[in-house]
Structures are given as structure tokens and as C-alpha cells.
Amino acid sequence: MTTVSDALDLTVQHIDDRTAVVAVLGDVDLHTAVSLRANVSALLAEGVRHLVLDLSRTEYIDSTGLSTFIRLLHAAQRNDGSLRLAAVPERLERMVTMTGIAQLLPVHTTVDEALTAGPADSAAGEPGRTPG
């Protein structure tokens, strides 16, 4: 039997005034996607433009979670920003690739790679970011 959890722990690390890394711990699914969306929307409202979702500690992502990533990408783009995925666990890579999410959202091996990726590294063509 599958255990359903409504818990989603998010940790935000502000890299600078316009860039933040959101570490996602738990499942991104029907029960938790609203929390992720609300928290990232609040960051965008505060002026953060470039976001990296660190998925290294994400256990599971369902179709609601995947559509949430796309909605967050569009919200970031409306604010002249970007959204990147980083450290997608091996068990979730196939879902991200097979569903086409990787063609819409840049997917990076590490958070550092996502933060330093330039425009040519972007699957969706949004502006890249160099730290500094």
C-alpha cells in the first residue's frame, strides 16, 4: 500500500537579490503541489527572477507535480526570469525525460551547474545566469 503524505519541506537559499535555490524534500504530487506553487509564487512576488529547484531529496513526482513545474516556468518567464531543475534523482530522470519536461525546462546534474549555466545550456531558451 502506498503512503500518501501531505508534507513537503522547502528550503530557500537566496543566492542574490534575483536568484534563489529551492530545495524540495518529499513528494511533489496532488497533495503538495499547491504548497510548492504558493512558495515559489511568493518568491517571484518578492522580486526573485531566477529559480533553481533542487530535486536531490525529492522522493516522487506525479503528473500534478510535473504540470506544476511547467506553471512555475511560465510564471518565472512572465517575470522575465527562469526556472531550472537540478539534481534530479536517477529514479525520476526517466519520467522527466519521457514526458518532455526536459525539453521545456533546463535540467542540470547539480545546483552549481544550474546556477552557472548560460543561455546556450537552456532547453527553453530563457536567459542564463552567471553568479556575481
C-alpha atoms as a PDB file:
ATOM      1  CA  MET A   1       0.000   0.000   0.000  1.00  0.00           C
ATOM      2  CA  THR A   2       1.239   3.477  -0.873  1.00  0.00           C
ATOM      3  CA  THR A   3       1.589   6.007   1.888  1.00  0.00           C
ATOM      4  CA  VAL A   4       0.370   9.481   0.956  1.00  0.00           C
ATOM      5  CA  SER A   5       1.991  12.431   2.655  1.00  0.00           C
ATOM      6  CA  ASP A   6       0.784  15.996   2.629  1.00  0.00           C
ATOM      7  CA  ALA A   7       4.193  17.130   3.832  1.00  0.00           C
ATOM      8  CA  LEU A   8       6.539  18.935   1.530  1.00  0.00           C
ATOM      9  CA  ASP A   9       9.550  20.613   3.047  1.00  0.00           C
ATOM     10  CA  LEU A  10      11.067  23.501   1.129  1.00  0.00           C
ATOM     11  CA  THR A  11      14.276  25.276   1.963  1.00  0.00           C
ATOM     12  CA  VAL A  12      15.087  28.508   0.175  1.00  0.00           C
ATOM     13  CA  GLN A  13      18.646  29.723  -0.282  1.00  0.00           C
ATOM     14  CA  HIS A  14      18.925  33.228  -1.716  1.00  0.00           C
ATOM     15  CA  ILE A  15      21.977  33.394  -3.949  1.00  0.00           C
ATOM     16  CA  ASP A  16      21.484  37.105  -4.597  1.00  0.00           C
ATOM     17  CA  ASP A  17      18.541  39.533  -4.853  1.00  0.00           C
ATOM     18  CA  ARG A  18      17.267  37.935  -8.054  1.00  0.00           C
ATOM     19  CA  THR A  19      18.247  34.274  -7.681  1.00  0.00           C
ATOM     20  CA  ALA A  20      17.153  31.544  -5.277  1.00  0.00           C
ATOM     21  CA  VAL A  21      17.576  27.808  -4.923  1.00  0.00           C
ATOM     22  CA  VAL A  22      14.544  25.951  -3.600  1.00  0.00           C
ATOM     23  CA  ALA A  23      15.437  22.551  -2.143  1.00  0.00           C
ATOM     24  CA  VAL A  24      12.432  20.230  -2.353  1.00  0.00           C
ATOM     25  CA  LEU A  25      12.180  17.426   0.204  1.00  0.00           C
ATOM     26  CA  GLY A  26       9.356  14.922  -0.129  1.00  0.00           C
ATOM     27  CA  ASP A  27       6.785  14.222  -2.809  1.00  0.00           C
ATOM     28  CA  VAL A  28       5.571  16.713  -5.406  1.00  0.00           C
ATOM     29  CA  ASP A  29       2.077  15.457  -6.111  1.00  0.00           C
ATOM     30  CA  LEU A  30      -1.615  16.276  -5.986  1.00  0.00           C
ATOM     31  CA  HIS A  31      -1.406  16.858  -2.235  1.00  0.00           C
ATOM     32  CA  THR A  32       1.718  19.045  -2.122  1.00  0.00           C
ATOM     33  CA  ALA A  33       1.918  20.872  -5.464  1.00  0.00           C
ATOM     34  CA  VAL A  34      -0.193  23.754  -4.133  1.00  0.00           C
ATOM     35  CA  SER A  35       2.389  24.400  -1.415  1.00  0.00           C
ATOM     36  CA  LEU A  36       5.263  24.405  -3.911  1.00  0.00           C
ATOM     37  CA  ARG A  37       3.375  26.727  -6.241  1.00  0.00           C
ATOM     38  CA  ALA A  38       2.473  29.128  -3.413  1.00  0.00           C
ATOM     39  CA  ASN A  39       6.021  29.297  -2.073  1.00  0.00           C
ATOM     40  CA  VAL A  40       7.632  29.848  -5.465  1.00  0.00           C
ATOM     41  CA  SER A  41       4.973  32.428  -6.382  1.00  0.00           C
ATOM     42  CA  ALA A  42       5.808  34.300  -3.164  1.00  0.00           C
ATOM     43  CA  LEU A  43       9.489  34.346  -4.159  1.00  0.00           C
ATOM     44  CA  LEU A  44       8.587  35.762  -7.574  1.00  0.00           C
ATOM     45  CA  ALA A  45       6.421  38.405  -5.906  1.00  0.00           C
ATOM     46  CA  GLU A  46       9.435  39.367  -3.731  1.00  0.00           C
ATOM     47  CA  GLY A  47      11.488  40.058  -6.859  1.00  0.00           C
ATOM     48  CA  VAL A  48      13.338  36.770  -7.277  1.00  0.00           C
ATOM     49  CA  ARG A  49      13.543  36.134 -11.015  1.00  0.00           C
ATOM     50  CA  HIS A  50      15.773  33.108 -11.445  1.00  0.00           C
ATOM     51  CA  LEU A  51      14.914  29.915  -9.623  1.00  0.00           C
ATOM     52  CA  VAL A  52      16.588  26.556  -9.342  1.00  0.00           C
ATOM     53  CA  LEU A  53      14.570  23.655  -7.968  1.00  0.00           C
ATOM     54  CA  ASP A  54      16.964  21.280  -6.214  1.00  0.00           C
ATOM     55  CA  LEU A  55      15.245  17.903  -6.506  1.00  0.00           C
ATOM     56  CA  SER A  56      18.033  15.824  -4.957  1.00  0.00           C
ATOM     57  CA  ARG A  57      15.835  14.929  -1.979  1.00  0.00           C
ATOM     58  CA  THR A  58      12.560  14.592  -3.869  1.00  0.00           C
ATOM     59  CA  GLU A  59      11.070  11.132  -3.486  1.00  0.00           C
ATOM     60  CA  TYR A  60       8.242  11.150  -6.020  1.00  0.00           C
ATOM     61  CA  ILE A  61       6.701  13.400  -8.669  1.00  0.00           C
ATOM     62  CA  ASP A  62       3.300  12.733 -10.230  1.00  0.00           C
ATOM     63  CA  SER A  63       1.628  14.393 -13.211  1.00  0.00           C
ATOM     64  CA  THR A  64       0.355  17.224 -10.996  1.00  0.00           C
ATOM     65  CA  GLY A  65       3.917  17.882  -9.888  1.00  0.00           C
ATOM     66  CA  LEU A  66       5.151  17.914 -13.486  1.00  0.00           C
ATOM     67  CA  SER A  67       2.429  20.346 -14.538  1.00  0.00           C
ATOM     68  CA  THR A  68       3.323  22.496 -11.527  1.00  0.00           C
ATOM     69  CA  PHE A  69       6.895  22.750 -12.826  1.00  0.00           C
ATOM     70  CA  ILE A  70       5.543  23.995 -16.166  1.00  0.00           C
ATOM     71  CA  ARG A  71       3.251  26.518 -14.447  1.00  0.00           C
ATOM     72  CA  LEU A  72       6.184  27.781 -12.388  1.00  0.00           C
ATOM     73  CA  LEU A  73       8.310  28.082 -15.531  1.00  0.00           C
ATOM     74  CA  HIS A  74       5.621  30.218 -17.174  1.00  0.00           C
ATOM     75  CA  ALA A  75       5.267  32.360 -14.030  1.00  0.00           C
ATOM     76  CA  ALA A  76       9.028  32.935 -13.937  1.00  0.00           C
ATOM     77  CA  GLN A  77       9.088  33.802 -17.644  1.00  0.00           C
ATOM     78  CA  ARG A  78       6.238  36.294 -17.162  1.00  0.00           C
ATOM     79  CA  ASN A  79       8.543  37.995 -14.658  1.00  0.00           C
ATOM     80  CA  ASP A  80      11.482  37.976 -17.120  1.00  0.00           C
ATOM     81  CA  GLY A  81      13.020  35.108 -15.189  1.00  0.00           C
ATOM     82  CA  SER A  82      13.909  31.463 -15.492  1.00  0.00           C
ATOM     83  CA  LEU A  83      13.343  28.134 -13.814  1.00  0.00           C
ATOM     84  CA  ARG A  84      15.789  25.248 -13.875  1.00  0.00           C
ATOM     85  CA  LEU A  85      15.715  21.779 -12.377  1.00  0.00           C
ATOM     86  CA  ALA A  86      18.813  20.432 -10.665  1.00  0.00           C
ATOM     87  CA  ALA A  87      19.971  17.134  -9.185  1.00  0.00           C
ATOM     88  CA  VAL A  88      17.006  15.100 -10.389  1.00  0.00           C
ATOM     89  CA  PRO A  89      17.312  11.685  -8.712  1.00  0.00           C
ATOM     90  CA  GLU A  90      18.074   8.825 -11.076  1.00  0.00           C
ATOM     91  CA  ARG A  91      14.749   7.131 -10.276  1.00  0.00           C
ATOM     92  CA  LEU A  92      12.900  10.268 -11.515  1.00  0.00           C
ATOM     93  CA  GLU A  93      15.046  11.090 -14.551  1.00  0.00           C
ATOM     94  CA  ARG A  94      13.108   8.838 -16.904  1.00  0.00           C
ATOM     95  CA  MET A  95       9.797  10.497 -16.017  1.00  0.00           C
ATOM     96  CA  VAL A  96      11.242  13.960 -16.570  1.00  0.00           C
ATOM     97  CA  THR A  97      12.751  12.916 -19.890  1.00  0.00           C
ATOM     98  CA  MET A  98       9.931  10.732 -21.263  1.00  0.00           C
ATOM     99  CA  THR A  99       7.223  13.299 -20.508  1.00  0.00           C
ATOM    100  CA  GLY A 100       9.069  16.050 -22.386  1.00  0.00           C
ATOM    101  CA  ILE A 101       9.640  18.199 -19.303  1.00  0.00           C
ATOM    102  CA  ALA A 102      13.377  18.143 -20.030  1.00  0.00           C
ATOM    103  CA  GLN A 103      12.671  19.775 -23.405  1.00  0.00           C
ATOM    104  CA  LEU A 104      10.805  22.643 -21.730  1.00  0.00           C
ATOM    105  CA  LEU A 105      12.895  23.076 -18.611  1.00  0.00           C
ATOM    106  CA  PRO A 106      16.658  23.012 -18.381  1.00  0.00           C
ATOM    107  CA  VAL A 107      17.738  20.014 -16.281  1.00  0.00           C
ATOM    108  CA  HIS A 108      21.178  20.108 -14.684  1.00  0.00           C
ATOM    109  CA  THR A 109      23.202  17.499 -12.845  1.00  0.00           C
ATOM    110  CA  THR A 110      23.995  19.798  -9.918  1.00  0.00           C
ATOM    111  CA  VAL A 111      22.728  23.022  -8.390  1.00  0.00           C
ATOM    112  CA  ASP A 112      26.060  24.706  -9.107  1.00  0.00           C
ATOM    113  CA  GLU A 113      25.786  23.712 -12.766  1.00  0.00           C
ATOM    114  CA  ALA A 114      22.264  25.163 -12.919  1.00  0.00           C
ATOM    115  CA  LEU A 115      23.437  28.421 -11.374  1.00  0.00           C
ATOM    116  CA  THR A 116      26.313  28.884 -13.803  1.00  0.00           C
ATOM    117  CA  ALA A 117      24.613  27.658 -16.988  1.00  0.00           C
ATOM    118  CA  GLY A 118      24.497  30.145 -19.819  1.00  0.00           C
ATOM    119  CA  PRO A 119      21.761  30.734 -22.402  1.00  0.00           C
ATOM    120  CA  ALA A 120      23.140  28.037 -24.713  1.00  0.00           C
ATOM    121  CA  ASP A 121      22.605  25.495 -21.931  1.00  0.00           C
ATOM    122  CA  SER A 122      18.927  26.344 -21.617  1.00  0.00           C
ATOM    123  CA  ALA A 123      16.445  23.892 -23.114  1.00  0.00           C
ATOM    124  CA  ALA A 124      13.692  26.518 -23.099  1.00  0.00           C
ATOM    125  CA  GLY A 125      15.844  29.402 -24.276  1.00  0.00           C
ATOM    126  CA  GLU A 126      15.398  31.622 -21.220  1.00  0.00           C
ATOM    127  CA  PRO A 127      18.249  33.828 -20.158  1.00  0.00           C
ATOM    128  CA  GLY A 128      21.101  32.130 -18.389  1.00  0.00           C
ATOM    129  CA  ARG A 129      22.648  33.367 -15.202  1.00  0.00           C
ATOM    130  CA  THR A 130      26.180  33.733 -14.118  1.00  0.00           C
ATOM    131  CA  PRO A 131      26.824  34.265 -10.447  1.00  0.00           C
ATOM    132  CA  GLY A 132      28.211  37.503  -9.345  1.00  0.00           C
END
